Amino acid sequence: MYEKFEFKFDKKIKENTLLYCLNM
């Protein structure tokens, strides 16, 4: 769903946690 809204993967910040960012 996040990728459908154009959130882009930024980096892995913890063992199982991903950071995403959306340029509005």
mmCIF file of all heavy atoms, coordinates in Angstrom:
data_MODEL
# 
_entry.id   MODEL 
# 
loop_
_atom_site.group_PDB 
_atom_site.id 
_atom_site.type_symbol 
_atom_site.label_atom_id 
_atom_site.label_alt_id 
_atom_site.label_comp_id 
_atom_site.label_asym_id 
_atom_site.label_entity_id 
_atom_site.label_seq_id 
_atom_site.pdbx_PDB_ins_code 
_atom_site.Cartn_x 
_atom_site.Cartn_y 
_atom_site.Cartn_z 
_atom_site.occupancy 
_atom_site.B_iso_or_equiv 
_atom_site.pdbx_formal_charge 
_atom_site.auth_seq_id 
_atom_site.auth_comp_id 
_atom_site.auth_asym_id 
_atom_site.auth_atom_id 
_atom_site.pdbx_PDB_model_num 
ATOM 1   N N   . MET A 1 1  ? 0.830  -1.206  0.000  1.00 0.00 ? 1  MET A N   1 
ATOM 2   C CA  . MET A 1 1  ? 0.000  0.000   0.000  1.00 0.00 ? 1  MET A CA  1 
ATOM 3   C C   . MET A 1 1  ? 0.865  1.256   0.000  1.00 0.00 ? 1  MET A C   1 
ATOM 4   O O   . MET A 1 1  ? 0.617  2.189   -0.766 1.00 0.00 ? 1  MET A O   1 
ATOM 5   C CB  . MET A 1 1  ? -0.936 0.018   1.208  1.00 0.00 ? 1  MET A CB  1 
ATOM 6   C CG  . MET A 1 1  ? -1.843 1.248   1.207  1.00 0.00 ? 1  MET A CG  1 
ATOM 7   S SD  . MET A 1 1  ? -2.793 1.445   2.723  1.00 0.00 ? 1  MET A SD  1 
ATOM 8   C CE  . MET A 1 1  ? -1.538 1.988   3.864  1.00 0.00 ? 1  MET A CE  1 
ATOM 9   N N   . TYR A 1 2  ? 1.894  1.292   0.840  1.00 0.00 ? 2  TYR A N   1 
ATOM 10  C CA  . TYR A 1 2  ? 2.757  2.475   0.891  1.00 0.00 ? 2  TYR A CA  1 
ATOM 11  C C   . TYR A 1 2  ? 3.411  2.728   -0.464 1.00 0.00 ? 2  TYR A C   1 
ATOM 12  O O   . TYR A 1 2  ? 3.471  3.870   -0.931 1.00 0.00 ? 2  TYR A O   1 
ATOM 13  C CB  . TYR A 1 2  ? 3.839  2.323   1.963  1.00 0.00 ? 2  TYR A CB  1 
ATOM 14  C CG  . TYR A 1 2  ? 3.307  2.170   3.370  1.00 0.00 ? 2  TYR A CG  1 
ATOM 15  C CD1 . TYR A 1 2  ? 3.940  1.332   4.277  1.00 0.00 ? 2  TYR A CD1 1 
ATOM 16  C CD2 . TYR A 1 2  ? 2.180  2.860   3.800  1.00 0.00 ? 2  TYR A CD2 1 
ATOM 17  C CE1 . TYR A 1 2  ? 3.467  1.187   5.572  1.00 0.00 ? 2  TYR A CE1 1 
ATOM 18  C CE2 . TYR A 1 2  ? 1.703  2.719   5.093  1.00 0.00 ? 2  TYR A CE2 1 
ATOM 19  C CZ  . TYR A 1 2  ? 2.347  1.879   5.970  1.00 0.00 ? 2  TYR A CZ  1 
ATOM 20  O OH  . TYR A 1 2  ? 1.880  1.739   7.247  1.00 0.00 ? 2  TYR A OH  1 
ATOM 21  N N   . GLU A 1 3  ? 3.867  1.679   -1.109 1.00 0.00 ? 3  GLU A N   1 
ATOM 22  C CA  . GLU A 1 3  ? 4.505  1.843   -2.412 1.00 0.00 ? 3  GLU A CA  1 
ATOM 23  C C   . GLU A 1 3  ? 3.509  2.294   -3.472 1.00 0.00 ? 3  GLU A C   1 
ATOM 24  O O   . GLU A 1 3  ? 3.871  3.030   -4.395 1.00 0.00 ? 3  GLU A O   1 
ATOM 25  C CB  . GLU A 1 3  ? 5.231  0.563   -2.811 1.00 0.00 ? 3  GLU A CB  1 
ATOM 26  C CG  . GLU A 1 3  ? 6.464  0.338   -1.937 1.00 0.00 ? 3  GLU A CG  1 
ATOM 27  C CD  . GLU A 1 3  ? 7.214  -0.948  -2.227 1.00 0.00 ? 3  GLU A CD  1 
ATOM 28  O OE1 . GLU A 1 3  ? 6.683  -1.846  -2.938 1.00 0.00 ? 3  GLU A OE1 1 
ATOM 29  O OE2 . GLU A 1 3  ? 8.363  -1.072  -1.720 1.00 0.00 ? 3  GLU A OE2 1 
ATOM 30  N N   . LYS A 1 4  ? 2.257  1.905   -3.323 1.00 0.00 ? 4  LYS A N   1 
ATOM 31  C CA  . LYS A 1 4  ? 1.216  2.382   -4.239 1.00 0.00 ? 4  LYS A CA  1 
ATOM 32  C C   . LYS A 1 4  ? 1.077  3.905   -4.142 1.00 0.00 ? 4  LYS A C   1 
ATOM 33  O O   . LYS A 1 4  ? 0.788  4.578   -5.132 1.00 0.00 ? 4  LYS A O   1 
ATOM 34  C CB  . LYS A 1 4  ? -0.115 1.688   -3.904 1.00 0.00 ? 4  LYS A CB  1 
ATOM 35  C CG  . LYS A 1 4  ? -1.257 2.110   -4.805 1.00 0.00 ? 4  LYS A CG  1 
ATOM 36  C CD  . LYS A 1 4  ? -2.495 1.245   -4.610 1.00 0.00 ? 4  LYS A CD  1 
ATOM 37  C CE  . LYS A 1 4  ? -3.094 1.440   -3.253 1.00 0.00 ? 4  LYS A CE  1 
ATOM 38  N NZ  . LYS A 1 4  ? -4.388 0.770   -3.100 1.00 0.00 ? 4  LYS A NZ  1 
ATOM 39  N N   . PHE A 1 5  ? 1.321  4.450   -2.964 1.00 0.00 ? 5  PHE A N   1 
ATOM 40  C CA  . PHE A 1 5  ? 1.256  5.896   -2.762 1.00 0.00 ? 5  PHE A CA  1 
ATOM 41  C C   . PHE A 1 5  ? 2.597  6.585   -3.031 1.00 0.00 ? 5  PHE A C   1 
ATOM 42  O O   . PHE A 1 5  ? 2.762  7.756   -2.720 1.00 0.00 ? 5  PHE A O   1 
ATOM 43  C CB  . PHE A 1 5  ? 0.781  6.215   -1.339 1.00 0.00 ? 5  PHE A CB  1 
ATOM 44  C CG  . PHE A 1 5  ? -0.698 6.074   -1.168 1.00 0.00 ? 5  PHE A CG  1 
ATOM 45  C CD1 . PHE A 1 5  ? -1.230 4.937   -0.565 1.00 0.00 ? 5  PHE A CD1 1 
ATOM 46  C CD2 . PHE A 1 5  ? -1.568 7.051   -1.615 1.00 0.00 ? 5  PHE A CD2 1 
ATOM 47  C CE1 . PHE A 1 5  ? -2.604 4.799   -0.410 1.00 0.00 ? 5  PHE A CE1 1 
ATOM 48  C CE2 . PHE A 1 5  ? -2.938 6.922   -1.463 1.00 0.00 ? 5  PHE A CE2 1 
ATOM 49  C CZ  . PHE A 1 5  ? -3.452 5.789   -0.862 1.00 0.00 ? 5  PHE A CZ  1 
ATOM 50  N N   . GLU A 1 6  ? 3.550  5.840   -3.590 1.00 0.00 ? 6  GLU A N   1 
ATOM 51  C CA  . GLU A 1 6  ? 4.862  6.372   -3.977 1.00 0.00 ? 6  GLU A CA  1 
ATOM 52  C C   . GLU A 1 6  ? 5.820  6.592   -2.816 1.00 0.00 ? 6  GLU A C   1 
ATOM 53  O O   . GLU A 1 6  ? 6.787  7.337   -2.950 1.00 0.00 ? 6  GLU A O   1 
ATOM 54  C CB  . GLU A 1 6  ? 4.740  7.655   -4.820 1.00 0.00 ? 6  GLU A CB  1 
ATOM 55  C CG  . GLU A 1 6  ? 3.969  7.483   -6.097 1.00 0.00 ? 6  GLU A CG  1 
ATOM 56  C CD  . GLU A 1 6  ? 4.629  6.531   -7.092 1.00 0.00 ? 6  GLU A CD  1 
ATOM 57  O OE1 . GLU A 1 6  ? 5.866  6.572   -7.234 1.00 0.00 ? 6  GLU A OE1 1 
ATOM 58  O OE2 . GLU A 1 6  ? 3.912  5.729   -7.713 1.00 0.00 ? 6  GLU A OE2 1 
ATOM 59  N N   . PHE A 1 7  ? 5.551  5.979   -1.660 1.00 0.00 ? 7  PHE A N   1 
ATOM 60  C CA  . PHE A 1 7  ? 6.574  5.957   -0.621 1.00 0.00 ? 7  PHE A CA  1 
ATOM 61  C C   . PHE A 1 7  ? 7.731  5.136   -1.173 1.00 0.00 ? 7  PHE A C   1 
ATOM 62  O O   . PHE A 1 7  ? 7.524  4.088   -1.789 1.00 0.00 ? 7  PHE A O   1 
ATOM 63  C CB  . PHE A 1 7  ? 6.054  5.290   0.666  1.00 0.00 ? 7  PHE A CB  1 
ATOM 64  C CG  . PHE A 1 7  ? 5.256  6.189   1.552  1.00 0.00 ? 7  PHE A CG  1 
ATOM 65  C CD1 . PHE A 1 7  ? 3.875  6.283   1.427  1.00 0.00 ? 7  PHE A CD1 1 
ATOM 66  C CD2 . PHE A 1 7  ? 5.883  6.931   2.542  1.00 0.00 ? 7  PHE A CD2 1 
ATOM 67  C CE1 . PHE A 1 7  ? 3.135  7.097   2.254  1.00 0.00 ? 7  PHE A CE1 1 
ATOM 68  C CE2 . PHE A 1 7  ? 5.148  7.755   3.395  1.00 0.00 ? 7  PHE A CE2 1 
ATOM 69  C CZ  . PHE A 1 7  ? 3.772  7.841   3.244  1.00 0.00 ? 7  PHE A CZ  1 
ATOM 70  N N   . LYS A 1 8  ? 8.941  5.600   -0.952 1.00 0.00 ? 8  LYS A N   1 
ATOM 71  C CA  . LYS A 1 8  ? 10.136 4.925   -1.458 1.00 0.00 ? 8  LYS A CA  1 
ATOM 72  C C   . LYS A 1 8  ? 10.966 4.403   -0.291 1.00 0.00 ? 8  LYS A C   1 
ATOM 73  O O   . LYS A 1 8  ? 11.153 5.101   0.712  1.00 0.00 ? 8  LYS A O   1 
ATOM 74  C CB  . LYS A 1 8  ? 11.005 5.886   -2.285 1.00 0.00 ? 8  LYS A CB  1 
ATOM 75  C CG  . LYS A 1 8  ? 10.302 6.488   -3.478 1.00 0.00 ? 8  LYS A CG  1 
ATOM 76  C CD  . LYS A 1 8  ? 9.969  5.440   -4.499 1.00 0.00 ? 8  LYS A CD  1 
ATOM 77  C CE  . LYS A 1 8  ? 9.340  6.095   -5.733 1.00 0.00 ? 8  LYS A CE  1 
ATOM 78  N NZ  . LYS A 1 8  ? 8.599  5.165   -6.523 1.00 0.00 ? 8  LYS A NZ  1 
ATOM 79  N N   . PHE A 1 9  ? 11.469 3.187   -0.471 1.00 0.00 ? 9  PHE A N   1 
ATOM 80  C CA  . PHE A 1 9  ? 12.349 2.595   0.527  1.00 0.00 ? 9  PHE A CA  1 
ATOM 81  C C   . PHE A 1 9  ? 13.584 3.472   0.663  1.00 0.00 ? 9  PHE A C   1 
ATOM 82  O O   . PHE A 1 9  ? 14.190 3.879   -0.322 1.00 0.00 ? 9  PHE A O   1 
ATOM 83  C CB  . PHE A 1 9  ? 12.739 1.180   0.104  1.00 0.00 ? 9  PHE A CB  1 
ATOM 84  C CG  . PHE A 1 9  ? 13.802 0.573   0.965  1.00 0.00 ? 9  PHE A CG  1 
ATOM 85  C CD1 . PHE A 1 9  ? 13.488 0.076   2.218  1.00 0.00 ? 9  PHE A CD1 1 
ATOM 86  C CD2 . PHE A 1 9  ? 15.119 0.521   0.533  1.00 0.00 ? 9  PHE A CD2 1 
ATOM 87  C CE1 . PHE A 1 9  ? 14.472 -0.478  3.025  1.00 0.00 ? 9  PHE A CE1 1 
ATOM 88  C CE2 . PHE A 1 9  ? 16.108 -0.033  1.332  1.00 0.00 ? 9  PHE A CE2 1 
ATOM 89  C CZ  . PHE A 1 9  ? 15.782 -0.534  2.579  1.00 0.00 ? 9  PHE A CZ  1 
ATOM 90  N N   . ASP A 1 10 ? 13.953 3.775   1.909  1.00 0.00 ? 10 ASP A N   1 
ATOM 91  C CA  . ASP A 1 10 ? 15.147 4.571   2.170  1.00 0.00 ? 10 ASP A CA  1 
ATOM 92  C C   . ASP A 1 10 ? 16.271 3.679   2.695  1.00 0.00 ? 10 ASP A C   1 
ATOM 93  O O   . ASP A 1 10 ? 17.341 3.608   2.112  1.00 0.00 ? 10 ASP A O   1 
ATOM 94  C CB  . ASP A 1 10 ? 14.816 5.696   3.152  1.00 0.00 ? 10 ASP A CB  1 
ATOM 95  C CG  . ASP A 1 10 ? 15.967 6.652   3.367  1.00 0.00 ? 10 ASP A CG  1 
ATOM 96  O OD1 . ASP A 1 10 ? 16.764 6.853   2.442  1.00 0.00 ? 10 ASP A OD1 1 
ATOM 97  O OD2 . ASP A 1 10 ? 16.074 7.197   4.480  1.00 0.00 ? 10 ASP A OD2 1 
ATOM 98  N N   . LYS A 1 11 ? 15.998 2.992   3.812  1.00 0.00 ? 11 LYS A N   1 
ATOM 99  C CA  . LYS A 1 11 ? 17.020 2.111   4.374  1.00 0.00 ? 11 LYS A CA  1 
ATOM 100 C C   . LYS A 1 11 ? 16.407 1.223   5.449  1.00 0.00 ? 11 LYS A C   1 
ATOM 101 O O   . LYS A 1 11 ? 15.317 1.479   5.952  1.00 0.00 ? 11 LYS A O   1 
ATOM 102 C CB  . LYS A 1 11 ? 18.168 2.916   4.967  1.00 0.00 ? 11 LYS A CB  1 
ATOM 103 C CG  . LYS A 1 11 ? 17.769 3.834   6.119  1.00 0.00 ? 11 LYS A CG  1 
ATOM 104 C CD  . LYS A 1 11 ? 18.927 4.706   6.565  1.00 0.00 ? 11 LYS A CD  1 
ATOM 105 C CE  . LYS A 1 11 ? 18.454 5.728   7.583  1.00 0.00 ? 11 LYS A CE  1 
ATOM 106 N NZ  . LYS A 1 11 ? 19.509 6.652   7.957  1.00 0.00 ? 11 LYS A NZ  1 
ATOM 107 N N   . LYS A 1 12 ? 17.146 0.202   5.784  1.00 0.00 ? 12 LYS A N   1 
ATOM 108 C CA  . LYS A 1 12 ? 16.783 -0.666  6.898  1.00 0.00 ? 12 LYS A CA  1 
ATOM 109 C C   . LYS A 1 12 ? 17.348 -0.010  8.150  1.00 0.00 ? 12 LYS A C   1 
ATOM 110 O O   . LYS A 1 12 ? 18.541 0.304   8.200  1.00 0.00 ? 12 LYS A O   1 
ATOM 111 C CB  . LYS A 1 12 ? 17.384 -2.051  6.683  1.00 0.00 ? 12 LYS A CB  1 
ATOM 112 C CG  . LYS A 1 12 ? 16.855 -3.112  7.581  1.00 0.00 ? 12 LYS A CG  1 
ATOM 113 C CD  . LYS A 1 12 ? 17.373 -4.473  7.115  1.00 0.00 ? 12 LYS A CD  1 
ATOM 114 C CE  . LYS A 1 12 ? 16.656 -5.573  7.844  1.00 0.00 ? 12 LYS A CE  1 
ATOM 115 N NZ  . LYS A 1 12 ? 17.008 -6.893  7.307  1.00 0.00 ? 12 LYS A NZ  1 
ATOM 116 N N   . ILE A 1 13 ? 16.507 0.228   9.160  1.00 0.00 ? 13 ILE A N   1 
ATOM 117 C CA  . ILE A 1 13 ? 16.996 0.950   10.341 1.00 0.00 ? 13 ILE A CA  1 
ATOM 118 C C   . ILE A 1 13 ? 17.182 0.057   11.565 1.00 0.00 ? 13 ILE A C   1 
ATOM 119 O O   . ILE A 1 13 ? 17.882 0.430   12.488 1.00 0.00 ? 13 ILE A O   1 
ATOM 120 C CB  . ILE A 1 13 ? 16.100 2.158   10.689 1.00 0.00 ? 13 ILE A CB  1 
ATOM 121 C CG1 . ILE A 1 13 ? 14.669 1.736   10.955 1.00 0.00 ? 13 ILE A CG1 1 
ATOM 122 C CG2 . ILE A 1 13 ? 16.186 3.190   9.597  1.00 0.00 ? 13 ILE A CG2 1 
ATOM 123 C CD1 . ILE A 1 13 ? 13.802 2.854   11.506 1.00 0.00 ? 13 ILE A CD1 1 
ATOM 124 N N   . LYS A 1 14 ? 16.544 -1.085  11.557 1.00 0.00 ? 14 LYS A N   1 
ATOM 125 C CA  . LYS A 1 14 ? 16.720 -2.081  12.616 1.00 0.00 ? 14 LYS A CA  1 
ATOM 126 C C   . LYS A 1 14 ? 16.682 -3.442  11.944 1.00 0.00 ? 14 LYS A C   1 
ATOM 127 O O   . LYS A 1 14 ? 16.436 -3.536  10.737 1.00 0.00 ? 14 LYS A O   1 
ATOM 128 C CB  . LYS A 1 14 ? 15.603 -1.987  13.665 1.00 0.00 ? 14 LYS A CB  1 
ATOM 129 C CG  . LYS A 1 14 ? 15.616 -0.722  14.483 1.00 0.00 ? 14 LYS A CG  1 
ATOM 130 C CD  . LYS A 1 14 ? 14.495 -0.746  15.498 1.00 0.00 ? 14 LYS A CD  1 
ATOM 131 C CE  . LYS A 1 14 ? 14.419 0.571   16.240 1.00 0.00 ? 14 LYS A CE  1 
ATOM 132 N NZ  . LYS A 1 14 ? 13.224 0.650   17.072 1.00 0.00 ? 14 LYS A NZ  1 
ATOM 133 N N   . GLU A 1 15 ? 16.849 -4.469  12.744 1.00 0.00 ? 15 GLU A N   1 
ATOM 134 C CA  . GLU A 1 15 ? 16.902 -5.812  12.162 1.00 0.00 ? 15 GLU A CA  1 
ATOM 135 C C   . GLU A 1 15 ? 15.712 -6.110  11.248 1.00 0.00 ? 15 GLU A C   1 
ATOM 136 O O   . GLU A 1 15 ? 15.871 -6.651  10.168 1.00 0.00 ? 15 GLU A O   1 
ATOM 137 C CB  . GLU A 1 15 ? 16.975 -6.860  13.274 1.00 0.00 ? 15 GLU A CB  1 
ATOM 138 C CG  . GLU A 1 15 ? 17.124 -8.252  12.750 1.00 0.00 ? 15 GLU A CG  1 
ATOM 139 C CD  . GLU A 1 15 ? 17.291 -9.269  13.846 1.00 0.00 ? 15 GLU A CD  1 
ATOM 140 O OE1 . GLU A 1 15 ? 17.934 -8.961  14.869 1.00 0.00 ? 15 GLU A OE1 1 
ATOM 141 O OE2 . GLU A 1 15 ? 16.765 -10.372 13.686 1.00 0.00 ? 15 GLU A OE2 1 
ATOM 142 N N   . ASN A 1 16 ? 14.500 -5.750  11.663 1.00 0.00 ? 16 ASN A N   1 
ATOM 143 C CA  . ASN A 1 16 ? 13.305 -6.056  10.871 1.00 0.00 ? 16 ASN A CA  1 
ATOM 144 C C   . ASN A 1 16 ? 12.488 -4.823  10.508 1.00 0.00 ? 16 ASN A C   1 
ATOM 145 O O   . ASN A 1 16 ? 11.308 -4.943  10.180 1.00 0.00 ? 16 ASN A O   1 
ATOM 146 C CB  . ASN A 1 16 ? 12.413 -7.037  11.636 1.00 0.00 ? 16 ASN A CB  1 
ATOM 147 C CG  . ASN A 1 16 ? 13.090 -8.363  11.858 1.00 0.00 ? 16 ASN A CG  1 
ATOM 148 O OD1 . ASN A 1 16 ? 13.675 -8.917  10.935 1.00 0.00 ? 16 ASN A OD1 1 
ATOM 149 N ND2 . ASN A 1 16 ? 13.052 -8.863  13.078 1.00 0.00 ? 16 ASN A ND2 1 
ATOM 150 N N   . THR A 1 17 ? 13.072 -3.642  10.583 1.00 0.00 ? 17 THR A N   1 
ATOM 151 C CA  . THR A 1 17 ? 12.318 -2.406  10.380 1.00 0.00 ? 17 THR A CA  1 
ATOM 152 C C   . THR A 1 17 ? 12.888 -1.611  9.214  1.00 0.00 ? 17 THR A C   1 
ATOM 153 O O   . THR A 1 17 ? 14.088 -1.372  9.138  1.00 0.00 ? 17 THR A O   1 
ATOM 154 C CB  . THR A 1 17 ? 12.341 -1.542  11.655 1.00 0.00 ? 17 THR A CB  1 
ATOM 155 O OG1 . THR A 1 17 ? 11.886 -2.337  12.755 1.00 0.00 ? 17 THR A OG1 1 
ATOM 156 C CG2 . THR A 1 17 ? 11.436 -0.335  11.508 1.00 0.00 ? 17 THR A CG2 1 
ATOM 157 N N   . LEU A 1 18 ? 11.993 -1.192  8.335  1.00 0.00 ? 18 LEU A N   1 
ATOM 158 C CA  . LEU A 1 18 ? 12.365 -0.431  7.150  1.00 0.00 ? 18 LEU A CA  1 
ATOM 159 C C   . LEU A 1 18 ? 11.891 1.008   7.278  1.00 0.00 ? 18 LEU A C   1 
ATOM 160 O O   . LEU A 1 18 ? 10.820 1.267   7.837  1.00 0.00 ? 18 LEU A O   1 
ATOM 161 C CB  . LEU A 1 18 ? 11.738 -1.054  5.898  1.00 0.00 ? 18 LEU A CB  1 
ATOM 162 C CG  . LEU A 1 18 ? 11.976 -2.545  5.687  1.00 0.00 ? 18 LEU A CG  1 
ATOM 163 C CD1 . LEU A 1 18 ? 11.213 -3.026  4.468  1.00 0.00 ? 18 LEU A CD1 1 
ATOM 164 C CD2 . LEU A 1 18 ? 13.461 -2.848  5.569  1.00 0.00 ? 18 LEU A CD2 1 
ATOM 165 N N   . LEU A 1 19 ? 12.672 1.921   6.738  1.00 0.00 ? 19 LEU A N   1 
ATOM 166 C CA  . LEU A 1 19 ? 12.309 3.334   6.679  1.00 0.00 ? 19 LEU A CA  1 
ATOM 167 C C   . LEU A 1 19 ? 11.909 3.662   5.248  1.00 0.00 ? 19 LEU A C   1 
ATOM 168 O O   . LEU A 1 19 ? 12.630 3.332   4.301  1.00 0.00 ? 19 LEU A O   1 
ATOM 169 C CB  . LEU A 1 19 ? 13.490 4.210   7.104  1.00 0.00 ? 19 LEU A CB  1 
ATOM 170 C CG  . LEU A 1 19 ? 13.286 5.727   6.993  1.00 0.00 ? 19 LEU A CG  1 
ATOM 171 C CD1 . LEU A 1 19 ? 12.247 6.194   8.012  1.00 0.00 ? 19 LEU A CD1 1 
ATOM 172 C CD2 . LEU A 1 19 ? 14.604 6.450   7.200  1.00 0.00 ? 19 LEU A CD2 1 
ATOM 173 N N   . TYR A 1 20 ? 10.757 4.314   5.109  1.00 0.00 ? 20 TYR A N   1 
ATOM 174 C CA  . TYR A 1 20 ? 10.258 4.764   3.816  1.00 0.00 ? 20 TYR A CA  1 
ATOM 175 C C   . TYR A 1 20 ? 10.039 6.269   3.875  1.00 0.00 ? 20 TYR A C   1 
ATOM 176 O O   . TYR A 1 20 ? 9.789  6.832   4.948  1.00 0.00 ? 20 TYR A O   1 
ATOM 177 C CB  . TYR A 1 20 ? 8.922  4.088   3.483  1.00 0.00 ? 20 TYR A CB  1 
ATOM 178 C CG  . TYR A 1 20 ? 9.057  2.740   2.831  1.00 0.00 ? 20 TYR A CG  1 
ATOM 179 C CD1 . TYR A 1 20 ? 9.431  1.624   3.553  1.00 0.00 ? 20 TYR A CD1 1 
ATOM 180 C CD2 . TYR A 1 20 ? 8.800  2.583   1.468  1.00 0.00 ? 20 TYR A CD2 1 
ATOM 181 C CE1 . TYR A 1 20 ? 9.550  0.382   2.953  1.00 0.00 ? 20 TYR A CE1 1 
ATOM 182 C CE2 . TYR A 1 20 ? 8.904  1.351   0.853  1.00 0.00 ? 20 TYR A CE2 1 
ATOM 183 C CZ  . TYR A 1 20 ? 9.284  0.253   1.599  1.00 0.00 ? 20 TYR A CZ  1 
ATOM 184 O OH  . TYR A 1 20 ? 9.399  -0.970  0.999  1.00 0.00 ? 20 TYR A OH  1 
ATOM 185 N N   . CYS A 1 21 ? 10.097 6.911   2.710  1.00 0.00 ? 21 CYS A N   1 
ATOM 186 C CA  . CYS A 1 21 ? 9.863  8.348   2.617  1.00 0.00 ? 21 CYS A CA  1 
ATOM 187 C C   . CYS A 1 21 ? 9.008  8.642   1.395  1.00 0.00 ? 21 CYS A C   1 
ATOM 188 O O   . CYS A 1 21 ? 9.163  8.027   0.332  1.00 0.00 ? 21 CYS A O   1 
ATOM 189 C CB  . CYS A 1 21 ? 11.193 9.091   2.516  1.00 0.00 ? 21 CYS A CB  1 
ATOM 190 S SG  . CYS A 1 21 ? 10.995 10.888  2.415  1.00 0.00 ? 21 CYS A SG  1 
ATOM 191 N N   . LEU A 1 22 ? 8.111  9.595   1.540  1.00 0.00 ? 22 LEU A N   1 
ATOM 192 C CA  . LEU A 1 22 ? 7.291  10.080  0.429  1.00 0.00 ? 22 LEU A CA  1 
ATOM 193 C C   . LEU A 1 22 ? 7.616  11.547  0.205  1.00 0.00 ? 22 LEU A C   1 
ATOM 194 O O   . LEU A 1 22 ? 7.439  12.372  1.105  1.00 0.00 ? 22 LEU A O   1 
ATOM 195 C CB  . LEU A 1 22 ? 5.802  9.927   0.742  1.00 0.00 ? 22 LEU A CB  1 
ATOM 196 C CG  . LEU A 1 22 ? 4.820  10.568  -0.241 1.00 0.00 ? 22 LEU A CG  1 
ATOM 197 C CD1 . LEU A 1 22 ? 4.953  9.969   -1.631 1.00 0.00 ? 22 LEU A CD1 1 
ATOM 198 C CD2 . LEU A 1 22 ? 3.394  10.430  0.264  1.00 0.00 ? 22 LEU A CD2 1 
ATOM 199 N N   . ASN A 1 23 ? 8.096  11.870  -0.988 1.00 0.00 ? 23 ASN A N   1 
ATOM 200 C CA  . ASN A 1 23 ? 8.281  13.249  -1.404 1.00 0.00 ? 23 ASN A CA  1 
ATOM 201 C C   . ASN A 1 23 ? 6.916  13.749  -1.868 1.00 0.00 ? 23 ASN A C   1 
ATOM 202 O O   . ASN A 1 23 ? 6.398  13.294  -2.887 1.00 0.00 ? 23 ASN A O   1 
ATOM 203 C CB  . ASN A 1 23 ? 9.310  13.315  -2.537 1.00 0.00 ? 23 ASN A CB  1 
ATOM 204 C CG  . ASN A 1 23 ? 9.521  14.712  -3.060 1.00 0.00 ? 23 ASN A CG  1 
ATOM 205 O OD1 . ASN A 1 23 ? 8.624  15.553  -3.018 1.00 0.00 ? 23 ASN A OD1 1 
ATOM 206 N ND2 . ASN A 1 23 ? 10.700 14.960  -3.562 1.00 0.00 ? 23 ASN A ND2 1 
ATOM 207 N N   . MET A 1 24 ? 6.312  14.657  -1.116 1.00 0.00 ? 24 MET A N   1 
ATOM 208 C CA  . MET A 1 24 ? 4.937  15.092  -1.391 1.00 0.00 ? 24 MET A CA  1 
ATOM 209 C C   . MET A 1 24 ? 4.802  15.815  -2.730 1.00 0.00 ? 24 MET A C   1 
ATOM 210 O O   . MET A 1 24 ? 3.710  15.918  -3.270 1.00 0.00 ? 24 MET A O   1 
ATOM 211 C CB  . MET A 1 24 ? 4.415  15.964  -0.257 1.00 0.00 ? 24 MET A CB  1 
ATOM 212 C CG  . MET A 1 24 ? 4.136  15.189  1.020  1.00 0.00 ? 24 MET A CG  1 
ATOM 213 S SD  . MET A 1 24 ? 2.919  13.851  0.806  1.00 0.00 ? 24 MET A SD  1 
ATOM 214 C CE  . MET A 1 24 ? 1.431  14.812  0.513  1.00 0.00 ? 24 MET A CE  1 
# 
